């Protein structure tokens, strides 16, 4: 069976059945294609999701890279001044 045939068959299904199928694929992904070596550690994923929620809840907390970089550079320079052996 080709990918095109599978796609055609899936598109014939009602939306609820397509969603059910997608959930099944997601739940059985390791069995279908093998484990993903690039999987995010659950603790890292939880932190990412927490920060995403915070950003969506209060977008004013977000900082652009252009404004964050000079502040970060200043903080690193200050740390180097305090400890010249640190690199």
N, C-alpha and C. Protein backbone atom coordinates (compact mmCIF):
# COMPACT_ATOMS: atom_id res chain seq x y z
N UNK A 1 0.85 -1.17 0.00
CA UNK A 1 0.00 0.00 0.00
C UNK A 1 0.90 1.23 0.00
N UNK A 2 0.63 2.19 -0.85
CA UNK A 2 1.44 3.40 -0.94
C UNK A 2 0.94 4.47 0.03
N UNK A 3 1.77 5.45 0.23
CA UNK A 3 1.39 6.58 1.09
C UNK A 3 0.17 7.29 0.49
N UNK A 4 0.15 7.39 -0.82
CA UNK A 4 -0.97 8.05 -1.49
C UNK A 4 -2.28 7.30 -1.25
N UNK A 5 -2.22 5.96 -1.28
CA UNK A 5 -3.41 5.15 -1.03
C UNK A 5 -3.88 5.30 0.42
N UNK A 6 -2.93 5.33 1.33
CA UNK A 6 -3.28 5.53 2.74
C UNK A 6 -3.91 6.90 2.93
N UNK A 7 -3.31 7.91 2.32
CA UNK A 7 -3.86 9.27 2.42
C UNK A 7 -5.28 9.33 1.87
N UNK A 8 -5.50 8.74 0.72
CA UNK A 8 -6.84 8.75 0.12
C UNK A 8 -7.85 8.06 1.04
N UNK A 9 -7.44 6.94 1.63
CA UNK A 9 -8.33 6.23 2.54
C UNK A 9 -8.64 7.04 3.78
N UNK A 10 -7.61 7.69 4.34
CA UNK A 10 -7.81 8.50 5.54
C UNK A 10 -8.73 9.68 5.28
N UNK A 11 -8.59 10.30 4.11
CA UNK A 11 -9.42 11.46 3.80
C UNK A 11 -10.88 11.09 3.60
N UNK A 12 -11.16 9.83 3.37
CA UNK A 12 -12.54 9.37 3.24
C UNK A 12 -13.21 9.19 4.61
N UNK A 13 -12.40 9.08 5.66
CA UNK A 13 -12.93 8.88 7.01
C UNK A 13 -13.55 10.17 7.54
N UNK A 14 -14.56 10.04 8.42
CA UNK A 14 -15.09 11.23 9.09
C UNK A 14 -14.00 11.85 9.96
N UNK A 15 -14.14 13.14 10.23
CA UNK A 15 -13.13 13.87 10.99
C UNK A 15 -12.84 13.22 12.34
N UNK A 16 -13.85 12.75 13.03
CA UNK A 16 -13.62 12.13 14.34
C UNK A 16 -12.76 10.88 14.21
N UNK A 17 -12.97 10.11 13.16
CA UNK A 17 -12.17 8.90 12.95
C UNK A 17 -10.74 9.24 12.56
N UNK A 18 -10.55 10.32 11.79
CA UNK A 18 -9.19 10.75 11.44
C UNK A 18 -8.44 11.18 12.69
N UNK A 19 -9.12 11.91 13.57
CA UNK A 19 -8.48 12.33 14.82
C UNK A 19 -8.14 11.11 15.68
N UNK A 20 -9.04 10.16 15.73
CA UNK A 20 -8.80 8.93 16.49
C UNK A 20 -7.58 8.20 15.94
N UNK A 21 -7.48 8.15 14.61
CA UNK A 21 -6.33 7.50 13.97
C UNK A 21 -5.03 8.24 14.30
N UNK A 22 -5.05 9.57 14.23
CA UNK A 22 -3.85 10.34 14.54
C UNK A 22 -3.41 10.11 15.98
N UNK A 23 -4.34 10.03 16.89
CA UNK A 23 -4.01 9.73 18.29
C UNK A 23 -3.37 8.35 18.39
N UNK A 24 -3.91 7.41 17.65
CA UNK A 24 -3.35 6.05 17.67
C UNK A 24 -1.91 6.07 17.14
N UNK A 25 -1.67 6.79 16.04
CA UNK A 25 -0.32 6.87 15.47
C UNK A 25 0.63 7.48 16.49
N UNK A 26 0.20 8.57 17.13
CA UNK A 26 1.04 9.22 18.13
C UNK A 26 1.37 8.27 19.28
N UNK A 27 0.37 7.55 19.76
CA UNK A 27 0.58 6.63 20.89
C UNK A 27 1.47 5.44 20.53
N UNK A 28 1.52 5.07 19.26
CA UNK A 28 2.27 3.90 18.83
C UNK A 28 3.49 4.26 17.98
N UNK A 29 3.92 5.51 18.05
CA UNK A 29 5.01 5.98 17.21
C UNK A 29 6.28 5.14 17.38
N UNK A 30 6.65 4.82 18.62
CA UNK A 30 7.87 4.03 18.84
C UNK A 30 7.76 2.66 18.17
N UNK A 31 6.60 2.06 18.25
CA UNK A 31 6.40 0.75 17.64
C UNK A 31 6.42 0.83 16.11
N UNK A 32 5.94 1.94 15.55
CA UNK A 32 5.87 2.09 14.10
C UNK A 32 7.21 2.45 13.47
N UNK A 33 7.95 3.35 14.10
CA UNK A 33 9.19 3.81 13.47
C UNK A 33 10.42 3.65 14.35
N UNK A 34 10.25 3.13 15.54
CA UNK A 34 11.38 2.95 16.45
C UNK A 34 11.54 4.14 17.36
N UNK A 35 12.32 3.98 18.42
CA UNK A 35 12.50 5.07 19.37
C UNK A 35 13.25 6.24 18.74
N UNK A 36 12.90 7.42 19.18
CA UNK A 36 13.53 8.65 18.69
C UNK A 36 14.68 9.00 19.62
N UNK A 37 15.87 9.03 19.10
CA UNK A 37 17.05 9.34 19.91
C UNK A 37 17.07 10.81 20.33
N UNK A 38 16.30 11.64 19.66
CA UNK A 38 16.28 13.07 19.97
C UNK A 38 15.14 13.44 20.90
N UNK A 39 14.58 12.47 21.61
CA UNK A 39 13.46 12.72 22.49
C UNK A 39 13.88 13.67 23.61
N UNK A 40 13.01 14.62 23.90
CA UNK A 40 13.28 15.58 24.96
C UNK A 40 13.01 14.91 26.30
N UNK A 41 13.92 15.09 27.23
CA UNK A 41 13.75 14.53 28.58
C UNK A 41 12.46 15.11 29.18
N UNK A 42 11.68 14.30 29.88
CA UNK A 42 10.41 14.77 30.44
C UNK A 42 10.53 16.02 31.31
N UNK A 43 11.61 16.14 32.08
CA UNK A 43 11.78 17.33 32.91
C UNK A 43 12.00 18.57 32.05
N UNK A 44 12.76 18.42 30.97
CA UNK A 44 13.01 19.54 30.06
C UNK A 44 11.71 19.92 29.36
N UNK A 45 10.98 18.91 28.91
CA UNK A 45 9.71 19.18 28.25
C UNK A 45 8.74 19.90 29.19
N UNK A 46 8.70 19.48 30.45
CA UNK A 46 7.82 20.13 31.44
C UNK A 46 8.21 21.59 31.63
N UNK A 47 9.51 21.87 31.67
CA UNK A 47 9.98 23.25 31.83
C UNK A 47 9.61 24.09 30.61
N UNK A 48 9.77 23.53 29.42
CA UNK A 48 9.42 24.24 28.19
C UNK A 48 7.93 24.56 28.19
N UNK A 49 7.11 23.58 28.54
CA UNK A 49 5.67 23.80 28.56
C UNK A 49 5.27 24.83 29.62
N UNK A 50 5.94 24.80 30.78
CA UNK A 50 5.67 25.77 31.84
C UNK A 50 5.99 27.18 31.34
N UNK A 51 7.15 27.33 30.70
CA UNK A 51 7.55 28.66 30.20
C UNK A 51 6.63 29.12 29.08
N UNK A 52 6.18 28.19 28.24
CA UNK A 52 5.23 28.53 27.18
C UNK A 52 3.95 29.08 27.77
N UNK A 53 3.45 28.40 28.79
CA UNK A 53 2.22 28.83 29.45
C UNK A 53 2.39 30.21 30.07
N UNK A 54 3.55 30.44 30.71
CA UNK A 54 3.83 31.75 31.30
C UNK A 54 3.86 32.82 30.21
N UNK A 55 4.46 32.52 29.08
CA UNK A 55 4.54 33.49 27.98
C UNK A 55 3.17 33.80 27.42
N UNK A 56 2.32 32.78 27.31
CA UNK A 56 0.98 33.00 26.79
C UNK A 56 0.12 33.76 27.79
N UNK A 57 0.34 33.51 29.07
CA UNK A 57 -0.42 34.17 30.12
C UNK A 57 -0.02 35.64 30.26
N UNK A 58 1.28 35.91 30.18
CA UNK A 58 1.78 37.28 30.37
C UNK A 58 2.83 37.60 29.32
N UNK A 59 2.42 37.95 28.09
CA UNK A 59 3.38 38.23 27.01
C UNK A 59 4.32 39.39 27.34
N UNK A 60 3.95 40.24 28.28
CA UNK A 60 4.81 41.36 28.66
C UNK A 60 6.12 40.92 29.27
N UNK A 61 6.19 39.69 29.76
CA UNK A 61 7.43 39.16 30.35
C UNK A 61 8.45 38.78 29.28
N UNK A 62 8.00 38.64 28.04
CA UNK A 62 8.90 38.21 26.98
C UNK A 62 9.89 39.31 26.63
N UNK A 63 11.09 38.90 26.24
CA UNK A 63 12.16 39.82 25.87
C UNK A 63 12.68 39.42 24.51
N UNK A 64 12.93 40.40 23.67
CA UNK A 64 13.52 40.10 22.35
C UNK A 64 15.00 39.80 22.52
N UNK A 65 15.55 39.04 21.58
CA UNK A 65 16.97 38.72 21.61
C UNK A 65 17.80 40.01 21.54
N UNK A 66 17.34 40.96 20.72
CA UNK A 66 18.08 42.20 20.56
C UNK A 66 18.21 42.96 21.87
N UNK A 67 17.21 42.89 22.73
CA UNK A 67 17.31 43.58 24.01
C UNK A 67 17.98 42.71 25.08
N UNK A 68 17.88 41.40 24.95
CA UNK A 68 18.46 40.52 25.95
C UNK A 68 19.97 40.37 25.78
N UNK A 69 20.46 40.37 24.55
CA UNK A 69 21.88 40.11 24.31
C UNK A 69 22.79 41.12 24.99
N UNK A 70 22.54 42.43 24.86
CA UNK A 70 23.44 43.37 25.54
C UNK A 70 23.44 43.19 27.06
N UNK A 71 22.29 42.89 27.63
CA UNK A 71 22.22 42.67 29.08
C UNK A 71 23.00 41.43 29.47
N UNK A 72 22.88 40.36 28.69
CA UNK A 72 23.62 39.13 28.97
C UNK A 72 25.12 39.37 28.85
N UNK A 73 25.53 40.09 27.81
CA UNK A 73 26.95 40.39 27.61
C UNK A 73 27.49 41.18 28.78
N UNK A 74 26.72 42.15 29.25
CA UNK A 74 27.14 42.96 30.39
C UNK A 74 27.30 42.08 31.64
N UNK A 75 26.38 41.16 31.86
CA UNK A 75 26.48 40.26 33.01
C UNK A 75 27.69 39.34 32.91
N UNK A 76 27.98 38.82 31.71
CA UNK A 76 29.16 37.97 31.53
C UNK A 76 30.44 38.76 31.74
N UNK A 77 30.47 39.99 31.21
CA UNK A 77 31.66 40.84 31.41
C UNK A 77 31.90 41.11 32.89
N UNK A 78 30.82 41.34 33.64
CA UNK A 78 30.94 41.57 35.07
C UNK A 78 31.48 40.33 35.78
N UNK A 79 31.01 39.16 35.40
CA UNK A 79 31.53 37.92 35.99
C UNK A 79 33.00 37.73 35.68
N UNK A 80 33.43 38.07 34.46
CA UNK A 80 34.84 37.96 34.09
C UNK A 80 35.71 38.92 34.91
N UNK A 81 35.17 40.12 35.16
CA UNK A 81 35.92 41.09 35.96
C UNK A 81 36.11 40.57 37.38
N UNK A 82 35.09 39.92 37.92
CA UNK A 82 35.18 39.39 39.28
C UNK A 82 36.11 38.18 39.36
N UNK A 83 36.16 37.40 38.29
CA UNK A 83 37.00 36.20 38.28
C UNK A 83 37.70 36.11 36.92
N UNK A 84 38.88 36.73 36.80
CA UNK A 84 39.57 36.76 35.50
C UNK A 84 39.95 35.38 34.97
N UNK A 85 40.02 34.37 35.83
CA UNK A 85 40.39 33.03 35.37
C UNK A 85 39.21 32.30 34.74
N UNK A 86 38.01 32.78 34.98
CA UNK A 86 36.82 32.14 34.41
C UNK A 86 36.73 32.46 32.93
N UNK A 87 36.39 31.48 32.16
CA UNK A 87 36.23 31.68 30.72
C UNK A 87 34.92 31.18 30.26
